[in-house]
Amino acid sequence: MSAKNVDQHNRFRSITVGFRVSPEENAQLNRAVALSGLPKQEYCYRKCMNRDITVTPNPRIFKMMTVHMTAILKELQRLSEGENPSQELLEDIALITKMLNDMKERK
């Protein structure tokens, strides 16, 4: 039998909670998790409990931001003039902007 895994407050999390998402929602969730630097479980837990997600800048986070910002730039360049970006793209831009502003305020 494996050892019990407890969180930082010595709470044993023994109940599993799951939910279904579309492939697009999964991709968006994975991007947000990668940019946060948190494990997926902790990210989802904090979002569900309406708790703050504090991103601590480190080389891995900056690498993820660079990768995602490059993808956003390519998508914006692909759009023809007069074409509106998708809601998903706008949400990704808002997420990265919020993270950068939060990092700037903490500095």
PDB file of N, CA and C in Angstrom:
ATOM      1  N   MET A   1       0.847  -1.180   0.000  1.00  0.00           N
ATOM      2  CA  MET A   1       0.000   0.000   0.000  1.00  0.00           C
ATOM      3  C   MET A   1       0.892   1.243   0.000  1.00  0.00           C
ATOM      4  N   SER A   2       0.538   2.219  -0.786  1.00  0.00           N
ATOM      5  CA  SER A   2       1.363   3.421  -0.890  1.00  0.00           C
ATOM      6  C   SER A   2       1.106   4.367   0.281  1.00  0.00           C
ATOM      7  N   ALA A   3       2.053   5.250   0.490  1.00  0.00           N
ATOM      8  CA  ALA A   3       1.935   6.226   1.583  1.00  0.00           C
ATOM      9  C   ALA A   3       0.874   7.258   1.232  1.00  0.00           C
ATOM     10  N   LYS A   4       0.236   7.786   2.277  1.00  0.00           N
ATOM     11  CA  LYS A   4      -0.782   8.818   2.073  1.00  0.00           C
ATOM     12  C   LYS A   4      -0.120  10.109   1.632  1.00  0.00           C
ATOM     13  N   ASN A   5      -0.729  10.757   0.660  1.00  0.00           N
ATOM     14  CA  ASN A   5      -0.250  12.060   0.207  1.00  0.00           C
ATOM     15  C   ASN A   5      -1.054  13.140   0.895  1.00  0.00           C
ATOM     16  N   VAL A   6      -0.364  14.032   1.557  1.00  0.00           N
ATOM     17  CA  VAL A   6      -1.037  15.129   2.237  1.00  0.00           C
ATOM     18  C   VAL A   6      -0.576  16.441   1.627  1.00  0.00           C
ATOM     19  N   ASP A   7      -1.417  17.482   1.755  1.00  0.00           N
ATOM     20  CA  ASP A   7      -1.057  18.787   1.209  1.00  0.00           C
ATOM     21  C   ASP A   7      -0.221  19.554   2.228  1.00  0.00           C
ATOM     22  N   GLN A   8       0.009  20.841   1.953  1.00  0.00           N
ATOM     23  CA  GLN A   8       0.858  21.667   2.812  1.00  0.00           C
ATOM     24  C   GLN A   8       0.283  21.850   4.218  1.00  0.00           C
ATOM     25  N   HIS A   9      -1.019  21.682   4.350  1.00  0.00           N
ATOM     26  CA  HIS A   9      -1.663  21.871   5.654  1.00  0.00           C
ATOM     27  C   HIS A   9      -1.970  20.532   6.325  1.00  0.00           C
ATOM     28  N   ASN A  10      -1.278  19.483   5.882  1.00  0.00           N
ATOM     29  CA  ASN A  10      -1.396  18.147   6.443  1.00  0.00           C
ATOM     30  C   ASN A  10      -2.803  17.565   6.279  1.00  0.00           C
ATOM     31  N   ARG A  11      -3.493  17.945   5.190  1.00  0.00           N
ATOM     32  CA  ARG A  11      -4.815  17.399   4.905  1.00  0.00           C
ATOM     33  C   ARG A  11      -4.650  16.265   3.907  1.00  0.00           C
ATOM     34  N   PHE A  12      -5.276  15.156   4.210  1.00  0.00           N
ATOM     35  CA  PHE A  12      -5.256  14.015   3.302  1.00  0.00           C
ATOM     36  C   PHE A  12      -6.415  14.164   2.324  1.00  0.00           C
ATOM     37  N   ARG A  13      -6.112  14.253   1.067  1.00  0.00           N
ATOM     38  CA  ARG A  13      -7.141  14.410   0.041  1.00  0.00           C
ATOM     39  C   ARG A  13      -7.462  13.039  -0.544  1.00  0.00           C
ATOM     40  N   SER A  14      -8.560  12.462  -0.067  1.00  0.00           N
ATOM     41  CA  SER A  14      -8.905  11.103  -0.461  1.00  0.00           C
ATOM     42  C   SER A  14     -10.086  11.036  -1.423  1.00  0.00           C
ATOM     43  N   ILE A  15     -10.730  12.141  -1.706  1.00  0.00           N
ATOM     44  CA  ILE A  15     -11.903  12.148  -2.570  1.00  0.00           C
ATOM     45  C   ILE A  15     -11.506  12.647  -3.955  1.00  0.00           C
ATOM     46  N   THR A  16     -11.932  11.926  -4.963  1.00  0.00           N
ATOM     47  CA  THR A  16     -11.641  12.284  -6.344  1.00  0.00           C
ATOM     48  C   THR A  16     -12.824  13.041  -6.924  1.00  0.00           C
ATOM     49  N   VAL A  17     -12.540  14.155  -7.573  1.00  0.00           N
ATOM     50  CA  VAL A  17     -13.556  14.937  -8.268  1.00  0.00           C
ATOM     51  C   VAL A  17     -13.125  15.039  -9.720  1.00  0.00           C
ATOM     52  N   GLY A  18     -14.027  14.740 -10.626  1.00  0.00           N
ATOM     53  CA  GLY A  18     -13.695  14.804 -12.042  1.00  0.00           C
ATOM     54  C   GLY A  18     -14.773  15.542 -12.803  1.00  0.00           C
ATOM     55  N   PHE A  19     -14.406  16.043 -13.970  1.00  0.00           N
ATOM     56  CA  PHE A  19     -15.380  16.712 -14.819  1.00  0.00           C
ATOM     57  C   PHE A  19     -14.935  16.572 -16.263  1.00  0.00           C
ATOM     58  N   ARG A  20     -15.868  16.748 -17.164  1.00  0.00           N
ATOM     59  CA  ARG A  20     -15.581  16.603 -18.590  1.00  0.00           C
ATOM     60  C   ARG A  20     -15.453  17.978 -19.236  1.00  0.00           C
ATOM     61  N   VAL A  21     -14.548  18.046 -20.202  1.00  0.00           N
ATOM     62  CA  VAL A  21     -14.345  19.278 -20.968  1.00  0.00           C
ATOM     63  C   VAL A  21     -14.207  18.911 -22.433  1.00  0.00           C
ATOM     64  N   SER A  22     -14.422  19.883 -23.284  1.00  0.00           N
ATOM     65  CA  SER A  22     -14.227  19.674 -24.724  1.00  0.00           C
ATOM     66  C   SER A  22     -12.724  19.702 -25.021  1.00  0.00           C
ATOM     67  N   PRO A  23     -12.315  19.243 -26.194  1.00  0.00           N
ATOM     68  CA  PRO A  23     -10.892  19.324 -26.548  1.00  0.00           C
ATOM     69  C   PRO A  23     -10.362  20.759 -26.520  1.00  0.00           C
ATOM     70  N   GLU A  24     -11.190  21.716 -26.947  1.00  0.00           N
ATOM     71  CA  GLU A  24     -10.774  23.123 -26.931  1.00  0.00           C
ATOM     72  C   GLU A  24     -10.604  23.627 -25.503  1.00  0.00           C
ATOM     73  N   GLU A  25     -11.552  23.254 -24.637  1.00  0.00           N
ATOM     74  CA  GLU A  25     -11.460  23.658 -23.226  1.00  0.00           C
ATOM     75  C   GLU A  25     -10.259  23.006 -22.552  1.00  0.00           C
ATOM     76  N   ASN A  26      -9.971  21.762 -22.927  1.00  0.00           N
ATOM     77  CA  ASN A  26      -8.811  21.074 -22.371  1.00  0.00           C
ATOM     78  C   ASN A  26      -7.518  21.783 -22.768  1.00  0.00           C
ATOM     79  N   ALA A  27      -7.430  22.196 -24.030  1.00  0.00           N
ATOM     80  CA  ALA A  27      -6.234  22.907 -24.497  1.00  0.00           C
ATOM     81  C   ALA A  27      -6.088  24.233 -23.746  1.00  0.00           C
ATOM     82  N   GLN A  28      -7.197  24.934 -23.561  1.00  0.00           N
ATOM     83  CA  GLN A  28      -7.149  26.211 -22.842  1.00  0.00           C
ATOM     84  C   GLN A  28      -6.766  26.001 -21.376  1.00  0.00           C
ATOM     85  N   LEU A  29      -7.314  24.963 -20.757  1.00  0.00           N
ATOM     86  CA  LEU A  29      -6.971  24.651 -19.365  1.00  0.00           C
ATOM     87  C   LEU A  29      -5.492  24.299 -19.252  1.00  0.00           C
ATOM     88  N   ASN A  30      -4.997  23.502 -20.182  1.00  0.00           N
ATOM     89  CA  ASN A  30      -3.581  23.118 -20.148  1.00  0.00           C
ATOM     90  C   ASN A  30      -2.662  24.322 -20.323  1.00  0.00           C
ATOM     91  N   ARG A  31      -3.065  25.289 -21.167  1.00  0.00           N
ATOM     92  CA  ARG A  31      -2.263  26.510 -21.335  1.00  0.00           C
ATOM     93  C   ARG A  31      -2.228  27.301 -20.028  1.00  0.00           C
ATOM     94  N   ALA A  32      -3.383  27.445 -19.392  1.00  0.00           N
ATOM     95  CA  ALA A  32      -3.449  28.203 -18.141  1.00  0.00           C
ATOM     96  C   ALA A  32      -2.632  27.520 -17.047  1.00  0.00           C
ATOM     97  N   VAL A  33      -2.698  26.202 -16.979  1.00  0.00           N
ATOM     98  CA  VAL A  33      -1.928  25.452 -15.985  1.00  0.00           C
ATOM     99  C   VAL A  33      -0.431  25.621 -16.239  1.00  0.00           C
ATOM    100  N   ALA A  34      -0.019  25.510 -17.502  1.00  0.00           N
ATOM    101  CA  ALA A  34       1.403  25.651 -17.840  1.00  0.00           C
ATOM    102  C   ALA A  34       1.910  27.037 -17.469  1.00  0.00           C
ATOM    103  N   LEU A  35       1.099  28.054 -17.724  1.00  0.00           N
ATOM    104  CA  LEU A  35       1.522  29.424 -17.422  1.00  0.00           C
ATOM    105  C   LEU A  35       1.528  29.715 -15.932  1.00  0.00           C
ATOM    106  N   SER A  36       0.717  28.986 -15.164  1.00  0.00           N
ATOM    107  CA  SER A  36       0.651  29.236 -13.720  1.00  0.00           C
ATOM    108  C   SER A  36       1.840  28.633 -12.978  1.00  0.00           C
ATOM    109  N   GLY A  37       2.390  27.556 -13.516  1.00  0.00           N
ATOM    110  CA  GLY A  37       3.487  26.878 -12.830  1.00  0.00           C
ATOM    111  C   GLY A  37       3.008  25.923 -11.752  1.00  0.00           C
ATOM    112  N   LEU A  38       1.699  25.773 -11.602  1.00  0.00           N
ATOM    113  CA  LEU A  38       1.127  24.878 -10.592  1.00  0.00           C
ATOM    114  C   LEU A  38       0.792  23.530 -11.218  1.00  0.00           C
ATOM    115  N   PRO A  39       0.717  22.490 -10.388  1.00  0.00           N
ATOM    116  CA  PRO A  39       0.182  21.224 -10.908  1.00  0.00           C
ATOM    117  C   PRO A  39      -1.287  21.418 -11.287  1.00  0.00           C
ATOM    118  N   LYS A  40      -1.767  20.641 -12.224  1.00  0.00           N
ATOM    119  CA  LYS A  40      -3.139  20.792 -12.718  1.00  0.00           C
ATOM    120  C   LYS A  40      -4.154  20.664 -11.579  1.00  0.00           C
ATOM    121  N   GLN A  41      -3.949  19.704 -10.696  1.00  0.00           N
ATOM    122  CA  GLN A  41      -4.879  19.502  -9.575  1.00  0.00           C
ATOM    123  C   GLN A  41      -4.962  20.755  -8.713  1.00  0.00           C
ATOM    124  N   GLU A  42      -3.830  21.320  -8.377  1.00  0.00           N
ATOM    125  CA  GLU A  42      -3.812  22.504  -7.509  1.00  0.00           C
ATOM    126  C   GLU A  42      -4.432  23.700  -8.223  1.00  0.00           C
ATOM    127  N   TYR A  43      -4.148  23.852  -9.516  1.00  0.00           N
ATOM    128  CA  TYR A  43      -4.722  24.952 -10.286  1.00  0.00           C
ATOM    129  C   TYR A  43      -6.250  24.855 -10.287  1.00  0.00           C
ATOM    130  N   CYS A  44      -6.766  23.669 -10.622  1.00  0.00           N
ATOM    131  CA  CYS A  44      -8.224  23.477 -10.674  1.00  0.00           C
ATOM    132  C   CYS A  44      -8.852  23.678  -9.297  1.00  0.00           C
ATOM    133  N   TYR A  45      -8.197  23.169  -8.271  1.00  0.00           N
ATOM    134  CA  TYR A  45      -8.711  23.329  -6.907  1.00  0.00           C
ATOM    135  C   TYR A  45      -8.828  24.807  -6.538  1.00  0.00           C
ATOM    136  N   ARG A  46      -7.775  25.564  -6.791  1.00  0.00           N
ATOM    137  CA  ARG A  46      -7.796  26.988  -6.436  1.00  0.00           C
ATOM    138  C   ARG A  46      -8.844  27.753  -7.236  1.00  0.00           C
ATOM    139  N   LYS A  47      -8.981  27.444  -8.523  1.00  0.00           N
ATOM    140  CA  LYS A  47      -9.987  28.117  -9.339  1.00  0.00           C
ATOM    141  C   LYS A  47     -11.400  27.777  -8.853  1.00  0.00           C
ATOM    142  N   CYS A  48     -11.636  26.512  -8.541  1.00  0.00           N
ATOM    143  CA  CYS A  48     -12.964  26.092  -8.070  1.00  0.00           C
ATOM    144  C   CYS A  48     -13.320  26.716  -6.724  1.00  0.00           C
ATOM    145  N   MET A  49     -12.325  26.892  -5.880  1.00  0.00           N
ATOM    146  CA  MET A  49     -12.558  27.452  -4.548  1.00  0.00           C
ATOM    147  C   MET A  49     -12.441  28.980  -4.560  1.00  0.00           C
ATOM    148  N   ASN A  50     -12.285  29.562  -5.754  1.00  0.00           N
ATOM    149  CA  ASN A  50     -12.205  31.013  -5.930  1.00  0.00           C
ATOM    150  C   ASN A  50     -11.050  31.624  -5.127  1.00  0.00           C
ATOM    151  N   ARG A  51      -9.924  30.932  -5.157  1.00  0.00           N
ATOM    152  CA  ARG A  51      -8.726  31.421  -4.472  1.00  0.00           C
ATOM    153  C   ARG A  51      -7.752  31.991  -5.481  1.00  0.00           C
ATOM    154  N   ASP A  52      -6.909  32.876  -5.019  1.00  0.00           N
ATOM    155  CA  ASP A  52      -5.935  33.505  -5.902  1.00  0.00           C
ATOM    156  C   ASP A  52      -4.899  32.495  -6.372  1.00  0.00           C
ATOM    157  N   ILE A  53      -4.479  32.684  -7.602  1.00  0.00           N
ATOM    158  CA  ILE A  53      -3.393  31.887  -8.164  1.00  0.00           C
ATOM    159  C   ILE A  53      -2.224  32.832  -8.350  1.00  0.00           C
ATOM    160  N   THR A  54      -1.203  32.649  -7.535  1.00  0.00           N
ATOM    161  CA  THR A  54      -0.033  33.506  -7.577  1.00  0.00           C
ATOM    162  C   THR A  54       1.041  32.836  -8.415  1.00  0.00           C
ATOM    163  N   VAL A  55       1.459  33.523  -9.451  1.00  0.00           N
ATOM    164  CA  VAL A  55       2.500  32.999 -10.330  1.00  0.00           C
ATOM    165  C   VAL A  55       3.831  33.545  -9.861  1.00  0.00           C
ATOM    166  N   THR A  56       4.733  32.644  -9.531  1.00  0.00           N
ATOM    167  CA  THR A  56       6.073  33.040  -9.126  1.00  0.00           C
ATOM    168  C   THR A  56       6.975  32.971 -10.344  1.00  0.00           C
ATOM    169  N   PRO A  57       7.503  34.115 -10.767  1.00  0.00           N
ATOM    170  CA  PRO A  57       8.335  34.108 -11.974  1.00  0.00           C
ATOM    171  C   PRO A  57       9.565  33.221 -11.810  1.00  0.00           C
ATOM    172  N   ASN A  58       9.810  32.417 -12.825  1.00  0.00           N
ATOM    173  CA  ASN A  58      11.020  31.609 -12.888  1.00  0.00           C
ATOM    174  C   ASN A  58      11.289  31.320 -14.359  1.00  0.00           C
ATOM    175  N   PRO A  59      12.430  30.779 -14.693  1.00  0.00           N
ATOM    176  CA  PRO A  59      12.758  30.553 -16.102  1.00  0.00           C
ATOM    177  C   PRO A  59      11.731  29.682 -16.837  1.00  0.00           C
ATOM    178  N   ARG A  60      11.169  28.703 -16.149  1.00  0.00           N
ATOM    179  CA  ARG A  60      10.179  27.824 -16.775  1.00  0.00           C
ATOM    180  C   ARG A  60       8.920  28.600 -17.150  1.00  0.00           C
ATOM    181  N   ILE A  61       8.472  29.481 -16.262  1.00  0.00           N
ATOM    182  CA  ILE A  61       7.282  30.288 -16.519  1.00  0.00           C
ATOM    183  C   ILE A  61       7.538  31.240 -17.688  1.00  0.00           C
ATOM    184  N   PHE A  62       8.691  31.885 -17.704  1.00  0.00           N
ATOM    185  CA  PHE A  62       9.012  32.794 -18.799  1.00  0.00           C
ATOM    186  C   PHE A  62       9.093  32.049 -20.130  1.00  0.00           C
ATOM    187  N   LYS A  63       9.608  30.826 -20.114  1.00  0.00           N
ATOM    188  CA  LYS A  63       9.672  30.012 -21.327  1.00  0.00           C
ATOM    189  C   LYS A  63       8.256  29.713 -21.823  1.00  0.00           C
ATOM    190  N   MET A  64       7.365  29.316 -20.914  1.00  0.00           N
ATOM    191  CA  MET A  64       5.974  29.028 -21.290  1.00  0.00           C
ATOM    192  C   MET A  64       5.293  30.277 -21.845  1.00  0.00           C
ATOM    193  N   MET A  65       5.538  31.416 -21.209  1.00  0.00           N
ATOM    194  CA  MET A  65       4.934  32.658 -21.687  1.00  0.00           C
ATOM    195  C   MET A  65       5.448  33.003 -23.082  1.00  0.00           C
ATOM    196  N   THR A  66       6.731  32.808 -23.303  1.00  0.00           N
ATOM    197  CA  THR A  66       7.314  33.087 -24.620  1.00  0.00           C
ATOM    198  C   THR A  66       6.698  32.189 -25.682  1.00  0.00           C
ATOM    199  N   VAL A  67       6.556  30.916 -25.378  1.00  0.00           N
ATOM    200  CA  VAL A  67       5.973  29.966 -26.328  1.00  0.00           C
ATOM    201  C   VAL A  67       4.535  30.362 -26.657  1.00  0.00           C
ATOM    202  N   HIS A  68       3.756  30.670 -25.626  1.00  0.00           N
ATOM    203  CA  HIS A  68       2.349  31.013 -25.852  1.00  0.00           C
ATOM    204  C   HIS A  68       2.190  32.373 -26.531  1.00  0.00           C
ATOM    205  N   MET A  69       3.043  33.316 -26.182  1.00  0.00           N
ATOM    206  CA  MET A  69       2.958  34.622 -26.833  1.00  0.00           C
ATOM    207  C   MET A  69       3.357  34.523 -28.311  1.00  0.00           C
ATOM    208  N   THR A  70       4.299  33.657 -28.635  1.00  0.00           N
ATOM    209  CA  THR A  70       4.681  33.426 -30.029  1.00  0.00           C
ATOM    210  C   THR A  70       3.514  32.825 -30.809  1.00  0.00           C
ATOM    211  N   ALA A  71       2.814  31.872 -30.187  1.00  0.00           N
ATOM    212  CA  ALA A  71       1.652  31.256 -30.839  1.00  0.00           C
ATOM    213  C   ALA A  71       0.540  32.286 -31.051  1.00  0.00           C
ATOM    214  N   ILE A  72       0.351  33.157 -30.073  1.00  0.00           N
ATOM    215  CA  ILE A  72      -0.669  34.206 -30.192  1.00  0.00           C
ATOM    216  C   ILE A  72      -0.293  35.165 -31.325  1.00  0.00           C
ATOM    217  N   LEU A  73       0.978  35.544 -31.402  1.00  0.00           N
ATOM    218  CA  LEU A  73       1.433  36.439 -32.466  1.00  0.00           C
ATOM    219  C   LEU A  73       1.192  35.815 -33.845  1.00  0.00           C
ATOM    220  N   LYS A  74       1.518  34.537 -33.998  1.00  0.00           N
ATOM    221  CA  LYS A  74       1.302  33.859 -35.278  1.00  0.00           C
ATOM    222  C   LYS A  74      -0.179  33.844 -35.642  1.00  0.00           C
ATOM    223  N   GLU A  75      -1.023  33.601 -34.660  1.00  0.00           N
ATOM    224  CA  GLU A  75      -2.463  33.575 -34.923  1.00  0.00           C
ATOM    225  C   GLU A  75      -2.970  34.964 -35.304  1.00  0.00           C
ATOM    226  N   LEU A  76      -2.493  35.995 -34.630  1.00  0.00           N
ATOM    227  CA  LEU A  76      -2.905  37.364 -34.970  1.00  0.00           C
ATOM    228  C   LEU A  76      -2.420  37.752 -36.363  1.00  0.00           C
ATOM    229  N   GLN A  77      -1.225  37.338 -36.731  1.00  0.00           N
ATOM    230  CA  GLN A  77      -0.698  37.630 -38.059  1.00  0.00           C
ATOM    231  C   GLN A  77      -1.469  36.870 -39.140  1.00  0.00           C
ATOM    232  N   ARG A  78      -1.982  35.703 -38.790  1.00  0.00           N
ATOM    233  CA  ARG A  78      -2.733  34.886 -39.732  1.00  0.00           C
ATOM    234  C   ARG A  78      -4.093  35.506 -40.058  1.00  0.00           C
ATOM    235  N   LEU A  79      -4.672  36.189 -39.080  1.00  0.00           N
ATOM    236  CA  LEU A  79      -5.987  36.793 -39.290  1.00  0.00           C
ATOM    237  C   LEU A  79      -5.905  37.844 -40.396  1.00  0.00           C
ATOM    238  N   SER A  80      -6.877  37.810 -41.270  1.00  0.00           N
ATOM    239  CA  SER A  80      -6.902  38.826 -42.322  1.00  0.00           C
ATOM    240  C   SER A  80      -7.480  40.116 -41.749  1.00  0.00           C
ATOM    241  N   GLU A  81      -7.227  41.202 -42.427  1.00  0.00           N
ATOM    242  CA  GLU A  81      -7.694  42.505 -41.961  1.00  0.00           C
ATOM    243  C   GLU A  81      -9.217  42.492 -41.893  1.00  0.00           C
ATOM    244  N   GLY A  82      -9.740  42.967 -40.778  1.00  0.00           N
ATOM    245  CA  GLY A  82     -11.180  43.009 -40.582  1.00  0.00           C
ATOM    246  C   GLY A  82     -11.734  41.762 -39.932  1.00  0.00           C
ATOM    247  N   GLU A  83     -10.946  40.686 -39.864  1.00  0.00           N
ATOM    248  CA  GLU A  83     -11.393  39.447 -39.234  1.00  0.00           C
ATOM    249  C   GLU A  83     -11.164  39.552 -37.727  1.00  0.00           C
ATOM    250  N   ASN A  84     -12.145  39.135 -36.956  1.00  0.00           N
ATOM    251  CA  ASN A  84     -12.043  39.221 -35.499  1.00  0.00           C
ATOM    252  C   ASN A  84     -11.376  37.981 -34.929  1.00  0.00           C
ATOM    253  N   PRO A  85     -10.533  38.149 -33.908  1.00  0.00           N
ATOM    254  CA  PRO A  85      -9.925  36.986 -33.263  1.00  0.00           C
ATOM    255  C   PRO A  85     -10.979  36.198 -32.493  1.00  0.00           C
ATOM    256  N   SER A  86     -10.713  34.917 -32.290  1.00  0.00           N
ATOM    257  CA  SER A  86     -11.649  34.056 -31.560  1.00  0.00           C
ATOM    258  C   SER A  86     -11.699  34.450 -30.090  1.00  0.00           C
ATOM    259  N   GLN A  87     -12.776  34.069 -29.443  1.00  0.00           N
ATOM    260  CA  GLN A  87     -12.929  34.345 -28.009  1.00  0.00           C
ATOM    261  C   GLN A  87     -11.820  33.656 -27.217  1.00  0.00           C
ATOM    262  N   GLU A  88     -11.457  32.452 -27.640  1.00  0.00           N
ATOM    263  CA  GLU A  88     -10.389  31.703 -26.965  1.00  0.00           C
ATOM    264  C   GLU A  88      -9.065  32.469 -27.030  1.00  0.00           C
ATOM    265  N   LEU A  89      -8.752  33.037 -28.189  1.00  0.00           N
ATOM    266  CA  LEU A  89      -7.516  33.802 -28.354  1.00  0.00           C
ATOM    267  C   LEU A  89      -7.536  35.048 -27.468  1.00  0.00           C
ATOM    268  N   LEU A  90      -8.670  35.713 -27.421  1.00  0.00           N
ATOM    269  CA  LEU A  90      -8.795  36.903 -26.571  1.00  0.00           C
ATOM    270  C   LEU A  90      -8.640  36.550 -25.092  1.00  0.00           C
ATOM    271  N   GLU A  91      -9.179  35.401 -24.690  1.00  0.00           N
ATOM    272  CA  GLU A  91      -9.037  34.963 -23.295  1.00  0.00           C
ATOM    273  C   GLU A  91      -7.584  34.641 -22.971  1.00  0.00           C
ATOM    274  N   ASP A  92      -6.870  34.027 -23.925  1.00  0.00           N
ATOM    275  CA  ASP A  92      -5.444  33.739 -23.714  1.00  0.00           C
ATOM    276  C   ASP A  92      -4.644  35.035 -23.571  1.00  0.00           C
ATOM    277  N   ILE A  93      -4.952  36.017 -24.405  1.00  0.00           N
ATOM    278  CA  ILE A  93      -4.267  37.312 -24.312  1.00  0.00           C
ATOM    279  C   ILE A  93      -4.553  37.970 -22.969  1.00  0.00           C
ATOM    280  N   ALA A  94      -5.809  37.908 -22.527  1.00  0.00           N
ATOM    281  CA  ALA A  94      -6.180  38.494 -21.231  1.00  0.00           C
ATOM    282  C   ALA A  94      -5.464  37.793 -20.078  1.00  0.00           C
ATOM    283  N   LEU A  95      -5.351  36.471 -20.158  1.00  0.00           N
ATOM    284  CA  LEU A  95      -4.670  35.711 -19.101  1.00  0.00           C
ATOM    285  C   LEU A  95      -3.197  36.104 -19.008  1.00  0.00           C
ATOM    286  N   ILE A  96      -2.514  36.163 -20.133  1.00  0.00           N
ATOM    287  CA  ILE A  96      -1.093  36.513 -20.132  1.00  0.00           C
ATOM    288  C   ILE A  96      -0.904  37.957 -19.673  1.00  0.00           C
ATOM    289  N   THR A  97      -1.781  38.845 -20.119  1.00  0.00           N
ATOM    290  CA  THR A  97      -1.699  40.250 -19.703  1.00  0.00           C
ATOM    291  C   THR A  97      -1.862  40.377 -18.194  1.00  0.00           C
ATOM    292  N   LYS A  98      -2.847  39.662 -17.642  1.00  0.00           N
ATOM    293  CA  LYS A  98      -3.073  39.705 -16.189  1.00  0.00           C
ATOM    294  C   LYS A  98      -1.855  39.174 -15.433  1.00  0.00           C
ATOM    295  N   MET A  99      -1.288  38.079 -15.931  1.00  0.00           N
ATOM    296  CA  MET A  99      -0.114  37.513 -15.268  1.00  0.00           C
ATOM    297  C   MET A  99       1.054  38.491 -15.298  1.00  0.00           C
ATOM    298  N   LEU A 100       1.290  39.122 -16.437  1.00  0.00           N
ATOM    299  CA  LEU A 100       2.396  40.079 -16.537  1.00  0.00           C
ATOM    300  C   LEU A 100       2.169  41.283 -15.624  1.00  0.00           C
ATOM    301  N   ASN A 101       0.933  41.767 -15.566  1.00  0.00           N
ATOM    302  CA  ASN A 101       0.622  42.897 -14.685  1.00  0.00           C
ATOM    303  C   ASN A 101       0.803  42.527 -13.214  1.00  0.00           C
ATOM    304  N   ASP A 102       0.382  41.313 -12.847  1.00  0.00           N
ATOM    305  CA  ASP A 102       0.546  40.854 -11.462  1.00  0.00           C
ATOM    306  C   ASP A 102       2.022  40.747 -11.096  1.00  0.00           C
ATOM    307  N   MET A 103       2.832  40.229 -12.033  1.00  0.00           N
ATOM    308  CA  MET A 103       4.275  40.126 -11.774  1.00  0.00           C
ATOM    309  C   MET A 103       4.891  41.513 -11.619  1.00  0.00           C
ATOM    310  N   LYS A 104       4.444  42.443 -12.440  1.00  0.00           N
ATOM    311  CA  LYS A 104       4.973  43.800 -12.394  1.00  0.00           C
ATOM    312  C   LYS A 104       4.626  44.465 -11.061  1.00  0.00           C
ATOM    313  N   GLU A 105       3.380  44.262 -10.578  1.00  0.00           N
ATOM    314  CA  GLU A 105       2.956  44.862  -9.306  1.00  0.00           C
ATOM    315  C   GLU A 105       3.722  44.303  -8.127  1.00  0.00           C
ATOM    316  N   ARG A 106       4.059  43.008  -8.164  1.00  0.00           N
ATOM    317  CA  ARG A 106       4.782  42.377  -7.055  1.00  0.00           C
ATOM    318  C   ARG A 106       6.242  42.763  -7.034  1.00  0.00           C
ATOM    319  N   LYS A 107       6.777  43.228  -8.154  1.00  0.00           N
ATOM    320  CA  LYS A 107       8.190  43.569  -8.254  1.00  0.00           C
ATOM    321  C   LYS A 107       8.574  44.749  -7.456  1.00  0.00           C
TER     322      LYS A 107
END
